[in-house]
Amino acid sequence: MYNASKGINGDGMRCKIDGLLGCVWFVLWIVFVGLSAKDGEWTYIGWSFYMFLVLHITQLRSSMRAAHNIYGNTMEAGAYTSPLLSST
């Protein structure tokens, strides 16, 4: 995550924070899911940290794609127009 953020924001404090948050959320996910073996209530906290991690990765991915003009499919790029959507 550090390298992805570095590609978007340069080598500043933001990429270090992104890398640290990714590591912390991953470790906390593993720890709390492990703690759920004794008490099942910890699993909700663990999976919450996992969702934070996933949302953070999604935000970085979206920013990276926008910064480098990477399109996910032909509909995003506008290279394909369906005849059903055409006004002619």
Protein backbone atom coordinates (compact mmCIF):
# COMPACT_ATOMS: atom_id res chain seq x y z
CA MET A 1 0.00 0.00 0.00
CA TYR A 2 2.95 2.26 0.62
CA ASN A 3 4.12 1.85 -2.98
CA ALA A 4 0.63 2.41 -4.39
CA SER A 5 0.26 5.60 -2.39
CA LYS A 6 3.78 6.67 -3.36
CA GLY A 7 2.79 6.35 -7.03
CA ILE A 8 -0.16 8.68 -6.45
CA ASN A 9 1.02 11.17 -3.84
CA GLY A 10 4.81 11.09 -4.09
CA ASP A 11 7.15 10.16 -1.26
CA GLY A 12 5.54 12.17 1.51
CA MET A 13 3.82 11.65 4.81
CA ARG A 14 0.57 10.52 3.15
CA CYS A 15 2.11 7.38 1.65
CA LYS A 16 3.70 6.49 5.00
CA ILE A 17 0.35 6.88 6.74
CA ASP A 18 -1.36 4.74 4.08
CA GLY A 19 1.23 2.00 4.51
CA LEU A 20 1.03 2.11 8.30
CA LEU A 21 -2.78 2.03 8.33
CA GLY A 22 -2.81 -0.96 6.00
CA CYS A 23 -0.40 -2.89 8.22
CA VAL A 24 -2.18 -1.96 11.44
CA TRP A 25 -5.63 -2.88 10.12
CA PHE A 26 -4.34 -6.21 8.77
CA VAL A 27 -2.67 -7.14 12.06
CA LEU A 28 -5.71 -6.07 14.11
CA TRP A 29 -7.97 -8.17 11.88
CA ILE A 30 -5.85 -11.27 12.52
CA VAL A 31 -5.57 -10.55 16.27
CA PHE A 32 -9.30 -10.01 16.84
CA VAL A 33 -10.35 -12.98 14.73
CA GLY A 34 -7.87 -15.06 16.73
CA LEU A 35 -9.33 -13.75 19.98
CA SER A 36 -12.77 -14.81 18.81
CA ALA A 37 -11.78 -18.43 19.46
CA LYS A 38 -12.25 -17.77 23.19
CA ASP A 39 -15.10 -15.28 22.99
CA GLY A 40 -17.12 -14.96 19.79
CA GLU A 41 -17.88 -11.28 20.30
CA TRP A 42 -14.36 -10.27 19.22
CA THR A 43 -14.98 -11.48 15.69
CA TYR A 44 -17.21 -8.48 14.91
CA ILE A 45 -14.41 -6.09 15.79
CA GLY A 46 -11.94 -8.14 13.74
CA TRP A 47 -14.10 -8.13 10.65
CA SER A 48 -14.68 -4.40 11.08
CA PHE A 49 -10.92 -3.86 10.81
CA TYR A 50 -10.91 -6.08 7.73
CA MET A 51 -13.59 -3.89 6.14
CA PHE A 52 -11.52 -0.78 6.94
CA LEU A 53 -8.60 -2.45 5.14
CA VAL A 54 -10.72 -3.34 2.12
CA LEU A 55 -12.19 0.16 1.87
CA HIS A 56 -8.73 1.70 2.15
CA ILE A 57 -7.38 -0.56 -0.62
CA THR A 58 -10.40 0.30 -2.77
CA GLN A 59 -9.78 4.03 -2.30
CA LEU A 60 -6.10 3.64 -3.22
CA ARG A 61 -7.00 1.56 -6.27
CA SER A 62 -9.54 4.11 -7.44
CA SER A 63 -7.09 6.98 -6.97
CA MET A 64 -4.34 5.09 -8.80
CA ARG A 65 -6.62 4.34 -11.74
CA ALA A 66 -7.78 7.96 -11.97
CA ALA A 67 -4.22 9.33 -11.73
CA HIS A 68 -2.94 7.10 -14.54
CA ASN A 69 -6.08 7.13 -16.73
CA ILE A 70 -6.60 3.38 -16.42
CA TYR A 71 -10.06 2.32 -17.45
CA GLY A 72 -11.62 -0.90 -16.15
CA ASN A 73 -13.68 -1.80 -19.18
CA THR A 74 -14.72 -0.49 -22.56
CA MET A 75 -17.85 1.17 -21.19
CA GLU A 76 -15.76 3.38 -18.90
CA ALA A 77 -13.45 4.34 -21.72
CA GLY A 78 -16.31 5.29 -24.01
CA ALA A 79 -14.86 3.08 -26.75
CA TYR A 80 -18.08 1.13 -27.11
CA THR A 81 -21.55 2.55 -27.51
CA SER A 82 -24.41 0.12 -27.49
CA PRO A 83 -26.87 0.51 -30.37
CA LEU A 84 -29.65 0.35 -27.79
CA LEU A 85 -28.25 3.45 -26.04
CA SER A 86 -27.64 5.39 -29.24
CA SER A 87 -30.01 8.26 -29.98
CA THR A 88 -29.95 7.70 -33.79
